[in-house]
Amino acid sequence: MSKKRYPVIYLRSKNEIAKRVSSKNFKPQQALEVLNNVLKNFDDYWYDSKRSEPEKEKYVRSAVKSPALNGILKLINKRVLLPHDHLVPNFIFGGLSGRNNIQATRNLIGKKRDRILLKLDIKSFYEQVTEKRVYYFFKNKCKCRPEASRILASLCCVPKGPKGSGVSKKILARGFATSSRLAMWCNLDTFQHLAWKVKKKLKNNDAKIAIYVDDIGITASRIDEKKMEEIKKLSIDLLQNKDQNQPLPSHTEGAKTKIITFKAGAEHLGIKLGRNKLSLGWRARSRADKIKFALKNAKTKEEKIILRRKYRAYHLYKRQVITS
């Protein structure tokens, strides 16, 4: 493990935050004025997006209608968090510069044959990260002073549940520009330990792991489903209990938790895993077939233009998957 695991951000005050997010065209004094405005009117500047899933208790938050809050969040993400992406271990993907779902799946291929995949999914990943945890990350891990840590945490978190519910507990805001990176950083110790434990248990089986936001893939060579079932139980227990202040409960059954061999058609993040290659998963192929059928039966010029554009996007994505 890298000795320099966490970024040294070292912000001490509101003024220093303003200075850090400033630029040639956005002077520190301007940044401070916007920051003060956002802190004063924070609750009025964000809302629950239509992409929320209340039945799953997942609320997507948005600030796009507020140039002030949305702008500050993007700047914190760009100037405070993004510069430290290089410190993130190479088995973690999603929400990071140059690391996408295709690369995450490619990371599971391995060198040895007869591979098997374990898929895991963390329940309500963003909702597990509390404001206290974000504050702890900035203060204890990044060496920021309490004032700056409180401000940064308060800007990145909102009350749990639907807006206006009156819940006092604040959690990481699903949908904010800062959320993906903070969710990863706030759980890095657990993710590091999981990777170490899995590779230790499967040290002779060419074990590979990829964490893409809340989706975890683990592959190994020449082990049976019974052995991978042991790894599944170990992983679920570790995610739940490694850090009592930051438990990560996982789905134990269902489509999001699965053990399947490559030969049986293993897929992860919508991509099919092969011996030395990747290909599109069945959902992507099915969507492409539907677009192709609709294109053949399109009646208007405008409809054909839209469908052709979608079909070209499909082929572009297919090329990216195959050639990655």
Protein backbone atom coordinates (compact mmCIF):
# COMPACT_ATOMS: atom_id res chain seq x y z
CA MET A 1 0.00 0.00 0.00
CA SER A 2 1.16 3.51 -0.78
CA LYS A 3 2.49 5.44 2.20
CA LYS A 4 0.96 8.62 0.83
CA ARG A 5 -2.55 7.26 0.73
CA TYR A 6 -4.54 10.44 1.45
CA PRO A 7 -4.25 13.92 -0.07
CA VAL A 8 -2.76 16.71 2.01
CA ILE A 9 -5.26 19.48 1.25
CA TYR A 10 -4.54 21.61 4.32
CA LEU A 11 -7.21 24.31 4.18
CA ARG A 12 -7.63 26.34 7.35
CA SER A 13 -10.49 28.76 6.82
CA LYS A 14 -13.28 30.03 4.59
CA ASN A 15 -10.87 32.54 3.07
CA GLU A 16 -8.46 29.78 2.12
CA ILE A 17 -11.25 27.76 0.53
CA ALA A 18 -12.20 30.82 -1.53
CA LYS A 19 -8.60 31.30 -2.56
CA ARG A 20 -8.23 27.61 -3.53
CA VAL A 21 -11.27 27.66 -5.84
CA SER A 22 -10.40 31.04 -7.37
CA SER A 23 -8.80 31.56 -10.77
CA LYS A 24 -7.66 34.28 -13.14
CA ASN A 25 -11.26 35.09 -14.04
CA PHE A 26 -12.71 34.36 -10.62
CA LYS A 27 -10.81 36.40 -8.05
CA PRO A 28 -10.52 35.30 -4.40
CA GLN A 29 -12.79 38.13 -3.27
CA GLN A 30 -15.45 37.11 -5.79
CA ALA A 31 -15.13 33.50 -4.70
CA LEU A 32 -15.52 34.54 -1.05
CA GLU A 33 -18.69 36.51 -1.85
CA VAL A 34 -20.21 33.55 -3.68
CA LEU A 35 -19.17 31.19 -0.89
CA ASN A 36 -20.82 33.40 1.75
CA ASN A 37 -23.96 33.57 -0.37
CA VAL A 38 -24.05 29.78 -0.74
CA LEU A 39 -23.51 29.16 2.97
CA LYS A 40 -26.29 31.59 3.86
CA ASN A 41 -28.82 30.27 1.34
CA PHE A 42 -27.70 26.64 1.01
CA ASP A 43 -31.09 25.06 1.75
CA ASP A 44 -32.74 27.15 -0.97
CA TYR A 45 -30.19 26.27 -3.62
CA TRP A 46 -30.60 22.50 -3.90
CA TYR A 47 -33.60 20.29 -4.63
CA ASP A 48 -34.60 16.68 -5.15
CA SER A 49 -34.19 15.65 -8.77
CA LYS A 50 -36.84 13.78 -10.74
CA ARG A 51 -34.27 10.99 -11.04
CA SER A 52 -34.84 10.16 -7.36
CA GLU A 53 -36.18 6.73 -6.40
CA PRO A 54 -38.27 7.28 -3.24
CA GLU A 55 -39.33 3.62 -3.16
CA LYS A 56 -35.65 2.71 -2.70
CA GLU A 57 -35.03 5.68 -0.37
CA LYS A 58 -32.57 7.06 -2.92
CA TYR A 59 -32.88 10.78 -3.48
CA VAL A 60 -30.80 12.40 -6.19
CA ARG A 61 -29.97 15.98 -5.25
CA SER A 62 -29.32 18.71 -7.77
CA ALA A 63 -28.05 22.28 -7.71
CA VAL A 64 -28.08 22.96 -11.46
CA LYS A 65 -30.73 25.66 -11.06
CA SER A 66 -28.40 27.53 -8.72
CA PRO A 67 -25.28 28.82 -10.53
CA ALA A 68 -23.78 29.80 -7.16
CA LEU A 69 -23.99 26.43 -5.37
CA ASN A 70 -23.50 24.37 -8.50
CA GLY A 71 -20.47 26.44 -9.43
CA ILE A 72 -18.87 26.19 -5.98
CA LEU A 73 -19.40 22.41 -5.86
CA LYS A 74 -17.80 21.98 -9.29
CA LEU A 75 -14.84 24.10 -8.23
CA ILE A 76 -14.35 22.16 -5.00
CA ASN A 77 -14.44 18.97 -7.03
CA LYS A 78 -12.03 20.32 -9.64
CA ARG A 79 -9.54 22.24 -7.52
CA VAL A 80 -9.69 20.52 -4.11
CA LEU A 81 -10.41 16.84 -4.88
CA LEU A 82 -9.53 16.04 -8.52
CA PRO A 83 -5.80 16.93 -8.28
CA HIS A 84 -5.33 13.95 -5.95
CA ASP A 85 -6.84 11.24 -8.17
CA HIS A 86 -3.36 9.84 -8.77
CA LEU A 87 -3.21 8.71 -5.14
CA VAL A 88 -6.22 6.41 -5.55
CA PRO A 89 -5.30 2.70 -5.83
CA ASN A 90 -5.54 1.32 -9.35
CA PHE A 91 -8.37 -1.10 -8.52
CA ILE A 92 -10.80 1.75 -7.80
CA PHE A 93 -12.79 3.31 -10.65
CA GLY A 94 -15.80 5.58 -11.15
CA GLY A 95 -15.98 9.31 -10.59
CA LEU A 96 -12.23 9.63 -11.13
CA SER A 97 -10.29 11.15 -14.03
CA GLY A 98 -9.66 8.65 -16.81
CA ARG A 99 -11.21 5.69 -14.98
CA ASN A 100 -14.47 4.35 -16.39
CA ASN A 101 -16.63 1.24 -16.32
CA ILE A 102 -14.83 -0.28 -19.31
CA GLN A 103 -11.46 -0.01 -17.57
CA ALA A 104 -12.96 -1.39 -14.37
CA THR A 105 -14.22 -4.47 -16.23
CA ARG A 106 -10.93 -4.86 -18.12
CA ASN A 107 -9.20 -4.97 -14.72
CA LEU A 108 -10.98 -8.26 -13.96
CA ILE A 109 -9.67 -10.20 -16.98
CA GLY A 110 -6.51 -11.60 -15.41
CA LYS A 111 -3.79 -13.75 -16.98
CA LYS A 112 -4.85 -17.26 -16.03
CA ARG A 113 -7.71 -19.29 -17.54
CA ASP A 114 -10.90 -20.82 -16.11
CA ARG A 115 -12.03 -17.68 -14.32
CA ILE A 116 -15.05 -17.05 -12.15
CA LEU A 117 -16.70 -13.75 -11.20
CA LEU A 118 -18.21 -12.56 -7.94
CA LYS A 119 -20.44 -9.49 -8.22
CA LEU A 120 -21.31 -7.44 -5.12
CA ASP A 121 -23.30 -4.26 -4.68
CA ILE A 122 -23.24 -1.88 -1.71
CA LYS A 123 -26.68 -0.79 -0.52
CA SER A 124 -27.43 2.94 -0.79
CA PHE A 125 -23.73 3.75 -1.02
CA TYR A 126 -23.90 7.55 -0.83
CA GLU A 127 -26.50 7.45 1.93
CA GLN A 128 -24.10 5.48 4.15
CA VAL A 129 -21.62 8.38 4.26
CA THR A 130 -22.58 10.87 6.98
CA GLU A 131 -21.60 14.51 7.29
CA LYS A 132 -19.50 13.53 10.32
CA ARG A 133 -17.56 11.14 8.12
CA VAL A 134 -16.91 13.78 5.46
CA TYR A 135 -15.78 16.19 8.20
CA TYR A 136 -13.47 13.46 9.56
CA PHE A 137 -12.00 12.90 6.10
CA PHE A 138 -11.11 16.56 5.59
CA LYS A 139 -9.89 17.15 9.15
CA ASN A 140 -8.11 13.91 10.06
CA LYS A 141 -7.05 12.56 6.69
CA CYS A 142 -6.40 15.75 4.72
CA LYS A 143 -5.07 17.88 7.59
CA CYS A 144 -7.63 20.66 7.16
CA ARG A 145 -8.50 22.80 10.16
CA PRO A 146 -11.93 22.36 11.85
CA GLU A 147 -13.41 25.54 10.33
CA ALA A 148 -12.58 24.59 6.75
CA SER A 149 -13.59 20.95 7.35
CA ARG A 150 -17.01 21.99 8.66
CA ILE A 151 -17.63 24.27 5.68
CA LEU A 152 -16.60 21.67 3.11
CA ALA A 153 -18.64 18.92 4.76
CA SER A 154 -21.73 21.13 5.07
CA LEU A 155 -21.59 22.07 1.38
CA CYS A 156 -21.39 18.43 0.27
CA CYS A 157 -24.11 16.97 2.50
CA VAL A 158 -27.88 17.32 2.90
CA PRO A 159 -30.49 15.92 5.33
CA LYS A 160 -31.36 12.26 4.84
CA GLY A 161 -34.63 11.47 3.10
CA PRO A 162 -36.75 13.76 0.91
CA LYS A 163 -36.13 17.48 1.16
CA GLY A 164 -38.26 19.03 3.85
CA SER A 165 -38.55 15.80 5.88
CA GLY A 166 -37.08 17.51 8.94
CA VAL A 167 -34.49 14.77 9.52
CA SER A 168 -31.49 16.12 11.39
CA LYS A 169 -28.99 13.51 10.18
CA LYS A 170 -27.01 14.74 7.17
CA ILE A 171 -25.49 12.48 4.54
CA LEU A 172 -23.46 12.82 1.36
CA ALA A 173 -25.65 14.36 -1.33
CA ARG A 174 -26.20 11.83 -4.12
CA GLY A 175 -25.88 13.80 -7.36
CA PHE A 176 -23.58 16.64 -6.26
CA ALA A 177 -20.36 17.12 -8.24
CA THR A 178 -18.28 16.20 -5.20
CA SER A 179 -20.13 13.03 -4.21
CA SER A 180 -18.37 10.26 -6.14
CA ARG A 181 -14.87 11.25 -5.06
CA LEU A 182 -15.88 11.85 -1.44
CA ALA A 183 -17.73 8.52 -1.21
CA MET A 184 -14.58 6.78 -2.40
CA TRP A 185 -12.19 8.71 -0.11
CA CYS A 186 -14.42 8.24 2.95
CA ASN A 187 -14.34 4.46 2.47
CA LEU A 188 -10.79 4.03 1.20
CA ASP A 189 -9.48 2.19 4.27
CA THR A 190 -12.21 -0.44 3.94
CA PHE A 191 -11.66 -0.82 0.19
CA GLN A 192 -7.90 -1.17 0.68
CA HIS A 193 -8.38 -3.83 3.33
CA LEU A 194 -10.91 -5.71 1.18
CA ALA A 195 -8.48 -5.85 -1.76
CA TRP A 196 -5.63 -7.00 0.51
CA LYS A 197 -7.77 -9.68 2.18
CA VAL A 198 -9.17 -11.07 -1.07
CA LYS A 199 -5.76 -11.28 -2.74
CA LYS A 200 -4.29 -12.93 0.35
CA LYS A 201 -7.03 -15.57 0.39
CA LEU A 202 -6.64 -16.15 -3.36
CA LYS A 203 -2.90 -15.56 -3.66
CA ASN A 204 -2.35 -18.51 -6.01
CA ASN A 205 -5.43 -17.90 -8.12
CA ASP A 206 -4.59 -14.68 -10.00
CA ALA A 207 -7.21 -12.70 -8.06
CA LYS A 208 -8.41 -9.40 -9.50
CA ILE A 209 -10.70 -6.78 -7.96
CA ALA A 210 -12.41 -3.69 -9.36
CA ILE A 211 -14.53 -1.24 -7.39
CA TYR A 212 -16.71 1.06 -9.49
CA VAL A 213 -18.59 3.38 -7.11
CA ASP A 214 -20.89 0.87 -5.33
CA ASP A 215 -20.31 -2.10 -7.67
CA ILE A 216 -17.57 -4.56 -6.72
CA GLY A 217 -16.21 -7.24 -9.02
CA ILE A 218 -13.82 -9.99 -7.94
CA THR A 219 -12.43 -12.65 -10.27
CA ALA A 220 -10.08 -15.57 -9.77
CA SER A 221 -8.71 -18.50 -11.74
CA ARG A 222 -9.23 -22.22 -11.13
CA ILE A 223 -11.49 -22.06 -8.09
CA ASP A 224 -15.00 -23.47 -7.76
CA GLU A 225 -18.22 -21.74 -6.75
CA LYS A 226 -17.89 -23.05 -3.19
CA LYS A 227 -14.57 -21.24 -2.74
CA MET A 228 -15.98 -18.06 -4.29
CA GLU A 229 -18.95 -18.35 -1.93
CA GLU A 230 -16.46 -18.15 0.95
CA ILE A 231 -14.97 -15.01 -0.61
CA LYS A 232 -18.48 -13.58 -0.95
CA LYS A 233 -19.23 -14.11 2.76
CA LEU A 234 -15.84 -12.73 3.76
CA SER A 235 -16.31 -9.63 1.60
CA ILE A 236 -19.84 -8.89 2.80
CA ASP A 237 -18.77 -9.27 6.43
CA LEU A 238 -15.70 -7.07 5.94
CA LEU A 239 -17.65 -4.30 4.21
CA GLN A 240 -20.21 -4.34 7.02
CA ASN A 241 -17.88 -4.61 10.01
CA LYS A 242 -14.37 -3.37 9.12
CA ASP A 243 -15.18 0.18 10.24
CA GLN A 244 -17.88 0.45 12.90
CA ASN A 245 -18.19 4.17 12.18
CA GLN A 246 -18.70 3.57 8.47
CA PRO A 247 -20.48 0.23 7.79
CA LEU A 248 -21.17 -0.66 4.17
CA PRO A 249 -24.07 -3.13 4.05
CA SER A 250 -24.26 -5.13 0.81
CA HIS A 251 -26.95 -7.03 -1.01
CA THR A 252 -26.60 -10.69 -0.04
CA GLU A 253 -28.85 -12.20 -2.72
CA GLY A 254 -30.50 -11.26 -6.01
CA ALA A 255 -29.29 -10.06 -9.39
CA LYS A 256 -26.82 -7.58 -7.86
CA THR A 257 -24.99 -10.35 -6.01
CA LYS A 258 -23.93 -13.18 -8.25
CA ILE A 259 -21.28 -15.85 -8.80
CA ILE A 260 -20.80 -16.97 -12.40
CA THR A 261 -18.00 -18.40 -14.52
CA PHE A 262 -16.66 -16.66 -17.60
CA LYS A 263 -17.66 -19.68 -19.68
CA ALA A 264 -21.27 -19.32 -18.49
CA GLY A 265 -21.36 -15.71 -19.72
CA ALA A 266 -20.15 -13.59 -16.82
CA GLU A 267 -21.02 -9.89 -17.14
CA HIS A 268 -20.01 -6.94 -15.00
CA LEU A 269 -21.14 -3.31 -15.36
CA GLY A 270 -23.04 -4.27 -18.51
CA ILE A 271 -19.96 -5.76 -20.22
CA LYS A 272 -19.30 -9.43 -20.98
CA LEU A 273 -16.02 -10.88 -19.77
CA GLY A 274 -14.04 -13.17 -22.08
CA ARG A 275 -10.67 -14.94 -21.97
CA ASN A 276 -8.66 -11.97 -23.22
CA LYS A 277 -11.39 -9.65 -24.42
CA LEU A 278 -14.49 -7.70 -23.54
CA SER A 279 -17.76 -7.49 -25.44
CA LEU A 280 -21.11 -5.82 -24.93
CA GLY A 281 -23.52 -7.34 -22.45
CA TRP A 282 -26.96 -8.59 -23.40
CA ARG A 283 -28.79 -5.39 -22.34
CA ALA A 284 -26.70 -3.21 -24.65
CA ARG A 285 -27.15 -5.66 -27.52
CA SER A 286 -30.89 -5.80 -26.89
CA ARG A 287 -31.18 -2.00 -26.93
CA ALA A 288 -29.23 -1.89 -30.20
CA ASP A 289 -31.58 -4.43 -31.77
CA LYS A 290 -34.58 -2.36 -30.72
CA ILE A 291 -33.04 0.81 -32.20
CA LYS A 292 -32.25 -1.04 -35.44
CA PHE A 293 -35.82 -2.35 -35.68
CA ALA A 294 -37.26 1.09 -34.96
CA LEU A 295 -35.01 2.62 -37.61
CA LYS A 296 -36.31 0.23 -40.25
CA ASN A 297 -39.87 1.21 -39.40
CA ALA A 298 -39.32 4.95 -38.89
CA LYS A 299 -41.70 7.07 -40.93
CA THR A 300 -40.44 10.63 -40.50
CA LYS A 301 -37.09 12.18 -41.35
CA GLU A 302 -36.71 13.59 -37.83
CA GLU A 303 -37.32 10.20 -36.27
CA LYS A 304 -34.70 8.58 -38.52
CA ILE A 305 -32.12 11.25 -37.63
CA ILE A 306 -32.60 10.64 -33.90
CA LEU A 307 -32.44 6.84 -34.26
CA ARG A 308 -29.35 6.95 -36.49
CA ARG A 309 -27.64 9.11 -33.90
CA LYS A 310 -28.46 6.57 -31.18
CA TYR A 311 -27.25 3.70 -33.37
CA ARG A 312 -23.96 5.47 -34.08
CA ALA A 313 -23.51 6.06 -30.33
CA TYR A 314 -24.04 2.35 -29.75
CA HIS A 315 -21.35 1.41 -32.30
CA LEU A 316 -18.95 3.97 -30.83
CA TYR A 317 -19.42 2.48 -27.37
CA LYS A 318 -19.04 -1.03 -28.79
CA ARG A 319 -15.73 -0.04 -30.37
CA GLN A 320 -14.54 1.43 -27.07
CA VAL A 321 -15.39 -1.80 -25.22
CA ILE A 322 -13.69 -4.05 -27.76
CA THR A 323 -10.54 -1.98 -28.19
CA SER A 324 -10.00 -0.91 -24.58
